[in-house]
Amino acid sequence: MKYAIPFNRPYCSPGTQENFLQVLSSDQIAGNGHFGRGCAEVLQAVTGSQRAYLTPSCTAALEMSALLLDLQPGDEVIVPSFTFVSTACAYAIFGVRPIFVDVTPETLNIDPTLVEAAITERTKAIVAVHYAGVACDLDALLDICNRRGLRLVEDNAHGLFGTCQRRPLGSFGSLATLSFHETKNISCGEGGALLVNDGDLLERADMAQEKGTNRSRFFRGMIDRYTWVDRGSSYLLGEFPAAALRANLDNREHIQRHRSEIWQRYHTELEGWAATVGIRRPVIADACSHPSHLYYLLLPDSCQRQAFIAFLKSYRINAVFHYQPLHLSPMGKKLGGRDGQCPVTERIADQLVRLPLYTNLSRQEQDQVIEAVLKWS
């Protein structure tokens, strides 16, 4: 079925084609070229991180974080069960065991009150996902990390330009990751970034991105040849996607302003209807600002959720559900997941539906979505 209003429509900012032509006329199309370096500088300025490393995906950035933290087979990292599979599999491929913890029903973020009980002598890090770009309880998580000698990694795939207590998301953990997938506010089709906030990890980050070599030191003229010195892989983003990314970063104020208007209009127009029919809207803490990445509703149960999605489909509107509980996935069960382990995750995974939200969603198209939603009772 061809939807009149899809769930997502990729956005290319003005200047994208000109950037591509510049790459074609240059001497470098591999990673860390003119556009790659420029994007990294913008991200460092926006997030306040010491250094940003562009990667082929957020998954690759999470894999880099496992290398930088020197995680070994048998080590454990604590992750929310309500997240994309990359949050867990990026560590599992190194033999690290993800320990699944439930989320809070208010923000759908990892529950700090459950994190401490999940810590063992093998725990090395907590991976916090800012769902929908709304900040986790970072004060509580950082307190746990400081007391227990753990590292905090922010999976900030949804949260670029979000803040907590006026501080950018991605600046709290030792490391943070970003996604530039086509569904994200700022995208290049496929791409990501690793943000390094702890200076003691910078040198190894250079090597991890460059296949475990000290190649970056060679290019800076610090050594006369480079060689293999550490664990690493090929975690560079090529110049063509970096060129597309740079155009969107340069256009970020327009993108964020328009998405904010769309998000706020959903929130305002659906308030009375949601209260009447018993549907919950997103909860945003006063100390947080979010980047309007997605707009979700929580239906009473899975049957009503599926009926609601089908109802919107009859109007040729594509609304979709989101994550399924990782602890109940086939791989999650191999790692010890069991029914009832994360009851909030299990419940919201059956309730949540996302409405279309993308940068070039027109007001007329949003009118159609809102009008259809308001007919559901």
Protein backbone atom coordinates (compact mmCIF):
# COMPACT_ATOMS: atom_id res chain seq x y z
CA MET A 1 0.00 0.00 0.00
CA LYS A 2 1.27 3.46 -0.88
CA TYR A 3 0.66 5.80 2.02
CA ALA A 4 -0.45 9.37 1.43
CA ILE A 5 1.47 10.26 4.58
CA PRO A 6 4.40 7.94 5.33
CA PHE A 7 5.88 7.50 8.78
CA ASN A 8 9.15 9.07 7.62
CA ARG A 9 10.38 10.96 4.58
CA PRO A 10 14.16 11.56 4.32
CA TYR A 11 15.19 15.20 4.18
CA CYS A 12 18.05 16.73 2.22
CA SER A 13 18.97 20.28 3.09
CA PRO A 14 19.81 22.97 0.53
CA GLY A 15 23.47 22.71 -0.34
CA THR A 16 23.61 18.92 -0.38
CA GLN A 17 24.15 18.63 -4.14
CA GLU A 18 26.76 21.40 -4.09
CA ASN A 19 28.61 19.53 -1.34
CA PHE A 20 28.53 16.32 -3.42
CA LEU A 21 29.98 18.15 -6.41
CA GLN A 22 32.74 19.50 -4.19
CA VAL A 23 33.60 15.95 -3.09
CA LEU A 24 33.65 14.78 -6.72
CA SER A 25 36.12 17.49 -7.62
CA SER A 26 38.34 16.84 -4.60
CA ASP A 27 41.25 14.47 -4.13
CA GLN A 28 39.65 12.57 -1.22
CA ILE A 29 36.41 10.64 -0.91
CA ALA A 30 37.49 8.44 2.02
CA GLY A 31 36.89 9.36 5.65
CA ASN A 32 38.29 12.29 7.62
CA GLY A 33 38.24 14.58 4.61
CA HIS A 34 37.10 18.19 4.41
CA PHE A 35 33.44 17.48 5.22
CA GLY A 36 34.17 14.80 7.78
CA ARG A 37 36.45 17.10 9.74
CA GLY A 38 33.97 19.95 9.43
CA CYS A 39 31.09 17.85 10.77
CA ALA A 40 33.21 16.73 13.71
CA GLU A 41 34.01 20.36 14.56
CA VAL A 42 30.32 21.30 14.48
CA LEU A 43 29.39 18.36 16.72
CA GLN A 44 32.12 19.24 19.18
CA ALA A 45 30.86 22.82 19.35
CA VAL A 46 27.21 21.78 19.73
CA THR A 47 27.76 19.10 22.38
CA GLY A 48 30.83 20.41 24.17
CA SER A 49 32.61 17.09 23.75
CA GLN A 50 36.40 16.99 23.62
CA ARG A 51 36.31 15.20 20.30
CA ALA A 52 33.74 13.79 17.88
CA TYR A 53 34.48 10.81 15.64
CA LEU A 54 32.20 10.26 12.64
CA THR A 55 31.31 6.60 12.16
CA PRO A 56 29.33 4.56 9.61
CA SER A 57 26.48 4.15 12.15
CA CYS A 58 25.53 4.59 15.78
CA THR A 59 26.09 0.84 16.12
CA ALA A 60 29.71 1.33 15.05
CA ALA A 61 30.08 4.15 17.57
CA LEU A 62 28.80 1.86 20.34
CA GLU A 63 31.29 -0.81 19.23
CA MET A 64 34.04 1.80 19.50
CA SER A 65 32.91 2.54 23.05
CA ALA A 66 33.36 -1.13 23.94
CA LEU A 67 36.91 -1.00 22.60
CA LEU A 68 37.75 2.25 24.42
CA LEU A 69 36.48 0.89 27.73
CA ASP A 70 38.62 -2.21 27.10
CA LEU A 71 35.68 -4.52 27.71
CA GLN A 72 36.57 -8.19 27.75
CA PRO A 73 34.59 -11.44 27.37
CA GLY A 74 32.68 -12.04 30.59
CA ASP A 75 32.36 -8.36 31.47
CA GLU A 76 28.87 -6.91 31.87
CA VAL A 77 27.17 -3.65 30.85
CA ILE A 78 23.76 -2.56 32.11
CA VAL A 79 21.31 -1.54 29.37
CA PRO A 80 17.57 -0.85 29.18
CA SER A 81 15.48 -3.60 27.67
CA PHE A 82 13.40 -0.98 25.86
CA THR A 83 15.88 0.09 23.20
CA PHE A 84 17.11 -0.72 19.72
CA VAL A 85 19.10 -3.94 19.42
CA SER A 86 22.36 -2.05 18.75
CA THR A 87 22.52 -0.90 22.37
CA ALA A 88 23.06 -4.53 23.36
CA CYS A 89 24.58 -6.27 20.33
CA ALA A 90 27.41 -3.73 20.00
CA TYR A 91 28.76 -5.13 23.28
CA ALA A 92 27.65 -8.74 22.86
CA ILE A 93 29.86 -9.20 19.78
CA PHE A 94 32.88 -8.70 22.05
CA GLY A 95 31.66 -11.37 24.45
CA VAL A 96 30.31 -8.77 26.88
CA ARG A 97 27.01 -9.66 28.53
CA PRO A 98 24.26 -7.02 28.42
CA ILE A 99 22.24 -6.99 31.64
CA PHE A 100 18.69 -5.85 30.90
CA VAL A 101 17.01 -3.40 33.28
CA ASP A 102 13.47 -2.00 33.15
CA VAL A 103 12.49 1.57 32.32
CA THR A 104 10.34 4.11 34.15
CA PRO A 105 6.72 4.40 33.00
CA GLU A 106 6.97 8.20 32.87
CA THR A 107 9.92 8.77 30.51
CA LEU A 108 10.50 5.22 29.14
CA ASN A 109 14.15 5.65 30.16
CA ILE A 110 16.27 3.27 32.25
CA ASP A 111 15.16 3.17 35.90
CA PRO A 112 18.07 4.15 38.18
CA THR A 113 16.40 2.51 41.18
CA LEU A 114 16.80 -0.85 39.43
CA VAL A 115 20.29 -0.26 38.08
CA GLU A 116 22.17 -0.58 41.35
CA ALA A 117 20.65 -3.98 42.12
CA ALA A 118 21.86 -5.23 38.72
CA ILE A 119 25.51 -4.36 39.39
CA THR A 120 27.94 -7.23 39.99
CA GLU A 121 31.71 -7.49 40.25
CA ARG A 122 31.73 -7.95 36.46
CA THR A 123 29.86 -4.72 35.69
CA LYS A 124 31.96 -2.17 33.83
CA ALA A 125 29.50 0.39 32.43
CA ILE A 126 25.93 1.67 32.34
CA VAL A 127 24.53 2.46 28.90
CA ALA A 128 21.76 5.05 29.17
CA VAL A 129 19.38 5.61 26.25
CA HIS A 130 17.64 8.99 26.06
CA TYR A 131 14.37 7.75 24.59
CA ALA A 132 12.76 10.23 22.17
CA GLY A 133 15.57 12.63 23.08
CA VAL A 134 14.24 13.09 26.62
CA ALA A 135 17.03 12.89 29.19
CA CYS A 136 17.46 9.99 31.57
CA ASP A 137 17.84 10.69 35.29
CA LEU A 138 21.48 11.60 34.78
CA ASP A 139 22.11 12.81 38.34
CA ALA A 140 21.13 9.42 39.72
CA LEU A 141 23.06 7.46 37.10
CA LEU A 142 26.22 9.53 37.54
CA ASP A 143 25.98 9.12 41.31
CA ILE A 144 25.86 5.33 40.87
CA CYS A 145 28.80 5.40 38.46
CA ASN A 146 30.90 7.55 40.78
CA ARG A 147 30.18 5.41 43.83
CA ARG A 148 30.67 2.09 42.06
CA GLY A 149 33.60 2.98 39.80
CA LEU A 150 31.67 2.54 36.54
CA ARG A 151 31.66 4.42 33.23
CA LEU A 152 28.51 6.01 31.84
CA VAL A 153 27.87 5.71 28.09
CA GLU A 154 25.04 7.80 26.66
CA ASP A 155 23.26 6.18 23.72
CA ASN A 156 22.07 9.52 22.40
CA ALA A 157 20.77 8.26 19.05
CA HIS A 158 17.55 10.27 19.56
CA GLY A 159 18.90 13.19 21.50
CA LEU A 160 21.19 15.49 19.50
CA PHE A 161 20.27 19.08 20.56
CA GLY A 162 18.44 17.84 23.66
CA THR A 163 19.50 19.19 27.05
CA CYS A 164 19.31 18.40 30.75
CA GLN A 165 19.66 21.29 33.17
CA ARG A 166 20.73 23.40 30.16
CA ARG A 167 23.63 21.06 29.42
CA PRO A 168 23.73 19.18 26.09
CA LEU A 169 22.83 15.51 26.08
CA GLY A 170 25.93 13.58 25.09
CA SER A 171 28.15 15.62 27.41
CA PHE A 172 27.47 13.74 30.66
CA GLY A 173 28.98 10.31 30.08
CA SER A 174 32.58 9.33 29.51
CA LEU A 175 31.37 8.50 26.01
CA ALA A 176 28.24 9.18 23.99
CA THR A 177 26.94 8.04 20.62
CA LEU A 178 24.82 9.70 17.94
CA SER A 179 22.82 8.40 14.99
CA PHE A 180 22.42 10.01 11.58
CA HIS A 181 20.11 7.35 10.15
CA GLU A 182 17.53 8.62 7.69
CA THR A 183 14.85 8.64 10.41
CA LYS A 184 16.82 11.03 12.63
CA ASN A 185 16.52 14.81 12.78
CA ILE A 186 19.99 15.25 11.28
CA SER A 187 20.78 12.47 8.82
CA CYS A 188 23.00 11.31 6.00
CA GLY A 189 21.17 8.05 5.20
CA GLU A 190 23.40 5.92 7.41
CA GLY A 191 25.91 7.37 9.83
CA GLY A 192 26.80 8.01 13.44
CA ALA A 193 29.32 9.57 15.77
CA LEU A 194 31.18 8.82 18.97
CA LEU A 195 31.63 11.70 21.40
CA VAL A 196 34.58 11.43 23.77
CA ASN A 197 34.30 13.46 26.96
CA ASP A 198 37.11 11.91 29.02
CA GLY A 199 40.58 12.97 27.91
CA ASP A 200 42.15 9.67 28.97
CA LEU A 201 40.25 7.92 26.16
CA LEU A 202 41.25 10.20 23.29
CA GLU A 203 44.45 8.51 22.13
CA ARG A 204 42.86 5.08 22.08
CA ALA A 205 39.83 6.54 20.26
CA ASP A 206 42.13 7.68 17.44
CA MET A 207 43.52 4.16 17.17
CA ALA A 208 40.18 2.37 17.49
CA GLN A 209 38.78 4.31 14.53
CA GLU A 210 41.88 3.66 12.44
CA LYS A 211 41.95 -0.17 12.63
CA GLY A 212 44.01 -0.18 15.82
CA THR A 213 46.90 1.73 14.25
CA ASN A 214 48.59 4.98 15.26
CA ARG A 215 47.89 6.37 11.78
CA SER A 216 46.38 9.61 13.07
CA ARG A 217 49.63 10.44 14.89
CA PHE A 218 51.49 9.81 11.64
CA PHE A 219 49.27 12.27 9.76
CA ARG A 220 49.86 14.86 12.48
CA GLY A 221 53.63 14.48 11.95
CA MET A 222 54.22 13.01 15.40
CA ILE A 223 55.83 9.78 14.10
CA ASP A 224 57.60 8.88 10.85
CA ARG A 225 55.55 5.73 10.18
CA TYR A 226 52.49 4.04 11.62
CA THR A 227 51.81 0.49 12.73
CA TRP A 228 49.29 -1.75 14.51
CA VAL A 229 49.27 -1.07 18.25
CA ASP A 230 45.78 -1.77 19.67
CA ARG A 231 42.34 -3.23 19.02
CA GLY A 232 40.29 -1.40 16.40
CA SER A 233 38.32 -1.62 13.19
CA SER A 234 37.29 0.50 10.20
CA TYR A 235 35.03 3.07 11.85
CA LEU A 236 35.31 5.96 9.39
CA LEU A 237 32.44 7.71 7.58
CA GLY A 238 33.16 8.43 3.91
CA GLU A 239 33.12 11.93 2.43
CA PHE A 240 29.86 11.59 0.47
CA PRO A 241 27.66 10.87 3.51
CA ALA A 242 29.71 13.44 5.47
CA ALA A 243 28.89 16.00 2.76
CA ALA A 244 25.16 15.28 3.15
CA LEU A 245 25.52 15.42 6.92
CA ARG A 246 27.27 18.79 6.78
CA ALA A 247 24.43 20.30 4.74
CA ASN A 248 21.91 19.17 7.36
CA LEU A 249 24.08 20.37 10.23
CA ASP A 250 24.39 23.77 8.57
CA ASN A 251 20.59 23.83 8.28
CA ARG A 252 20.00 22.62 11.83
CA GLU A 253 18.17 25.71 13.08
CA HIS A 254 15.49 25.38 10.38
CA ILE A 255 15.21 21.63 10.92
CA GLN A 256 14.86 21.92 14.67
CA ARG A 257 12.43 24.83 14.54
CA HIS A 258 10.12 23.04 12.11
CA ARG A 259 10.21 19.73 13.98
CA SER A 260 9.52 21.52 17.25
CA GLU A 261 6.44 23.15 15.72
CA ILE A 262 5.17 19.77 14.49
CA TRP A 263 5.79 18.07 17.85
CA GLN A 264 4.16 20.85 19.86
CA ARG A 265 1.13 20.94 17.57
CA TYR A 266 0.53 17.21 18.07
CA HIS A 267 0.90 17.66 21.82
CA THR A 268 -1.52 20.59 21.99
CA GLU A 269 -4.16 19.41 19.51
CA LEU A 270 -4.38 15.90 20.95
CA GLU A 271 -4.43 16.84 24.65
CA GLY A 272 -8.20 16.87 25.21
CA TRP A 273 -8.83 13.86 22.99
CA ALA A 274 -6.15 11.79 24.74
CA ALA A 275 -7.59 12.54 28.18
CA THR A 276 -11.09 11.59 26.99
CA VAL A 277 -10.17 8.25 25.41
CA GLY A 278 -7.56 7.21 27.99
CA ILE A 279 -4.44 7.54 25.86
CA ARG A 280 -1.18 8.85 27.31
CA ARG A 281 1.04 11.44 25.67
CA PRO A 282 4.80 11.98 26.23
CA VAL A 283 6.00 13.32 29.59
CA ILE A 284 8.79 15.93 29.54
CA ALA A 285 10.54 16.89 32.79
CA ASP A 286 10.84 20.60 33.54
CA ALA A 287 14.66 20.45 33.59
CA CYS A 288 14.81 18.93 30.10
CA SER A 289 14.49 20.22 26.58
CA HIS A 290 14.08 17.62 23.85
CA PRO A 291 14.87 17.78 20.11
CA SER A 292 11.39 16.77 18.87
CA HIS A 293 12.71 13.52 17.45
CA LEU A 294 9.49 11.51 17.64
CA TYR A 295 5.92 11.80 18.90
CA TYR A 296 4.34 8.77 20.51
CA LEU A 297 1.07 7.76 22.10
CA LEU A 298 0.46 4.96 24.60
CA LEU A 299 -2.74 3.04 23.89
CA PRO A 300 -4.39 0.98 26.66
CA ASP A 301 -3.24 -2.40 25.30
CA SER A 302 -1.84 -4.22 22.28
CA CYS A 303 -5.24 -4.95 20.72
CA GLN A 304 -6.24 -1.30 20.76
CA ARG A 305 -2.78 -0.29 19.56
CA GLN A 306 -3.03 -2.54 16.52
CA ALA A 307 -6.59 -1.43 15.84
CA PHE A 308 -5.47 2.21 16.03
CA ILE A 309 -2.64 1.59 13.56
CA ALA A 310 -5.07 -0.16 11.19
CA PHE A 311 -7.55 2.72 11.61
CA LEU A 312 -4.95 5.27 10.53
CA LYS A 313 -3.92 2.99 7.69
CA SER A 314 -7.48 3.23 6.35
CA TYR A 315 -6.77 6.94 5.93
CA ARG A 316 -3.47 6.04 4.19
CA ILE A 317 -1.47 7.27 7.19
CA ASN A 318 1.46 5.14 8.31
CA ALA A 319 1.80 5.07 12.12
CA VAL A 320 4.12 2.45 13.58
CA PHE A 321 5.02 0.75 16.86
CA HIS A 322 8.55 0.74 18.24
CA TYR A 323 10.94 -1.46 20.24
CA GLN A 324 10.13 -4.97 21.35
CA PRO A 325 11.59 -6.08 24.72
CA LEU A 326 15.17 -7.18 24.18
CA HIS A 327 15.13 -9.47 27.20
CA LEU A 328 12.36 -11.52 25.53
CA SER A 329 14.03 -11.73 22.13
CA PRO A 330 15.60 -15.09 21.15
CA MET A 331 19.07 -13.70 21.81
CA GLY A 332 17.92 -11.96 24.98
CA LYS A 333 16.63 -15.24 26.37
CA LYS A 334 19.96 -16.90 25.62
CA LEU A 335 21.51 -14.20 27.79
CA GLY A 336 19.13 -14.96 30.66
CA GLY A 337 16.06 -12.89 29.83
CA ARG A 338 12.74 -14.15 31.14
CA ASP A 339 9.04 -13.24 31.16
CA GLY A 340 8.18 -10.65 33.78
CA GLN A 341 11.78 -9.47 34.18
CA CYS A 342 10.98 -5.95 32.90
CA PRO A 343 7.21 -5.49 33.31
CA VAL A 344 7.10 -1.82 32.30
CA THR A 345 9.00 -2.56 29.09
CA GLU A 346 6.73 -5.50 28.34
CA ARG A 347 3.66 -3.32 28.82
CA ILE A 348 4.71 -0.23 26.87
CA ALA A 349 6.09 -2.31 23.99
CA ASP A 350 2.47 -3.41 23.44
CA GLN A 351 1.02 0.07 23.83
CA LEU A 352 3.28 2.51 22.00
CA VAL A 353 2.55 3.94 18.56
CA ARG A 354 4.49 6.68 16.76
CA LEU A 355 2.84 9.29 14.55
CA PRO A 356 4.45 10.61 11.36
CA LEU A 357 7.03 13.28 12.19
CA TYR A 358 9.64 14.41 9.70
CA THR A 359 11.16 17.72 8.71
CA ASN A 360 9.21 18.17 5.47
CA LEU A 361 5.84 17.12 6.92
CA SER A 362 3.58 19.93 5.75
CA ARG A 363 0.95 21.61 7.89
CA GLN A 364 -1.75 20.24 5.57
CA GLU A 365 -0.40 16.71 6.00
CA GLN A 366 -0.29 17.12 9.76
CA ASP A 367 -3.89 18.39 9.64
CA GLN A 368 -4.85 15.10 7.98
CA VAL A 369 -3.08 13.07 10.67
CA ILE A 370 -4.67 15.04 13.52
CA GLU A 371 -8.14 14.89 11.97
CA ALA A 372 -7.88 11.11 11.57
CA VAL A 373 -6.58 10.60 15.11
CA LEU A 374 -9.41 12.66 16.58
CA LYS A 375 -11.94 10.35 14.91
CA TRP A 376 -10.64 7.39 16.94
CA SER A 377 -12.62 6.68 20.07
